Amino acid sequence: MQSGQVCQSCGMPLTEEVLGTEKDGSKNEDYCVYCYKEGTFASDCTMEEMIDICVPFMEKEGMNKENARKLLENELPKLKRWKHRSA
């Protein structure tokens, strides 16, 4: 796994401990365990809903709510899960 890699669904920094899993239990290096478990997305949501889910976690880490939302609105469309979808 490359350093600086982020979940291709929510943008969370990926470490070995939070890698999602495939049906066979192997690790998926594109998604975190909160977004991707046992070979499927944990939640069938829109990008806007994902932003709504992520903002409170970013606030908890000390980020301003508006700045967190703007960052996610900028970055999530670049991620694999959302690249070819609309919010």
Protein backbone atom coordinates (compact mmCIF):
# COMPACT_ATOMS: atom_id res chain seq x y z
CA MET A 1 0.00 0.00 0.00
CA GLN A 2 1.30 3.44 -0.89
CA SER A 3 1.85 6.01 1.83
CA GLY A 4 -0.76 8.76 1.70
CA GLN A 5 -3.41 6.52 0.14
CA VAL A 6 -7.00 7.35 1.04
CA CYS A 7 -10.28 5.45 0.92
CA GLN A 8 -11.72 5.82 -2.56
CA SER A 9 -15.19 6.30 -1.06
CA CYS A 10 -14.87 8.58 1.99
CA GLY A 11 -11.33 9.98 1.71
CA MET A 12 -10.17 8.63 5.08
CA PRO A 13 -6.41 7.94 5.24
CA LEU A 14 -5.85 4.20 4.80
CA THR A 15 -3.67 2.12 7.08
CA GLU A 16 -3.37 -1.66 7.19
CA GLU A 17 -5.73 -1.74 10.21
CA VAL A 18 -8.64 -0.05 8.44
CA LEU A 19 -8.53 -1.68 5.00
CA GLY A 20 -11.86 -2.97 3.73
CA THR A 21 -12.35 -6.66 3.01
CA GLU A 22 -13.39 -8.85 0.10
CA LYS A 23 -15.84 -11.78 0.39
CA ASP A 24 -12.91 -14.16 0.92
CA GLY A 25 -11.57 -12.03 3.79
CA SER A 26 -8.65 -10.60 1.82
CA LYS A 27 -7.88 -6.91 2.18
CA ASN A 28 -9.06 -4.34 -0.34
CA GLU A 29 -6.51 -1.54 -0.70
CA ASP A 30 -8.95 0.96 -2.25
CA TYR A 31 -11.54 1.25 0.51
CA CYS A 32 -11.72 1.43 4.31
CA VAL A 33 -13.58 -1.13 6.43
CA TYR A 34 -16.26 1.47 7.24
CA CYS A 35 -17.15 1.84 3.55
CA TYR A 36 -16.41 -1.63 2.18
CA LYS A 37 -16.97 -4.95 3.97
CA GLU A 38 -17.04 -8.50 2.62
CA GLY A 39 -16.86 -7.41 -1.01
CA THR A 40 -19.62 -4.82 -0.97
CA PHE A 41 -20.17 -1.22 0.03
CA ALA A 42 -21.48 -0.92 3.58
CA SER A 43 -23.90 1.80 2.53
CA ASP A 44 -25.65 2.48 -0.75
CA CYS A 45 -25.49 6.25 -0.56
CA THR A 46 -24.98 9.25 -2.78
CA MET A 47 -21.85 11.35 -2.62
CA GLU A 48 -23.83 14.07 -0.83
CA GLU A 49 -24.97 11.55 1.78
CA MET A 50 -21.36 10.41 2.21
CA ILE A 51 -20.35 14.03 2.84
CA ASP A 52 -23.11 14.31 5.47
CA ILE A 53 -21.77 11.14 7.13
CA CYS A 54 -18.13 12.31 7.11
CA VAL A 55 -18.49 15.92 8.28
CA PRO A 56 -19.24 15.05 11.95
CA PHE A 57 -16.15 12.80 12.11
CA MET A 58 -14.00 15.61 10.73
CA GLU A 59 -15.52 18.05 13.23
CA LYS A 60 -14.65 15.61 16.01
CA GLU A 61 -11.04 15.75 14.78
CA GLY A 62 -11.13 19.54 15.18
CA MET A 63 -12.07 20.76 11.71
CA ASN A 64 -14.59 23.55 11.19
CA LYS A 65 -17.89 22.17 9.82
CA GLU A 66 -17.99 24.46 6.76
CA ASN A 67 -14.33 23.80 5.91
CA ALA A 68 -14.87 20.04 6.27
CA ARG A 69 -17.85 20.17 3.90
CA LYS A 70 -15.93 22.25 1.34
CA LEU A 71 -12.94 19.91 1.48
CA LEU A 72 -15.14 16.86 0.95
CA GLU A 73 -17.11 18.54 -1.85
CA ASN A 74 -13.77 19.25 -3.57
CA GLU A 75 -12.06 15.90 -2.99
CA LEU A 76 -14.76 13.21 -3.08
CA PRO A 77 -15.59 13.72 -6.79
CA LYS A 78 -11.95 12.77 -7.56
CA LEU A 79 -12.24 9.40 -5.79
CA LYS A 80 -12.83 6.11 -7.61
CA ARG A 81 -16.33 5.49 -6.20
CA TRP A 82 -17.67 8.92 -7.23
CA LYS A 83 -15.67 9.82 -10.35
CA HIS A 84 -18.39 8.84 -12.82
CA ARG A 85 -21.41 9.62 -10.66
CA SER A 86 -23.18 12.80 -9.78
CA ALA A 87 -23.96 13.87 -6.22
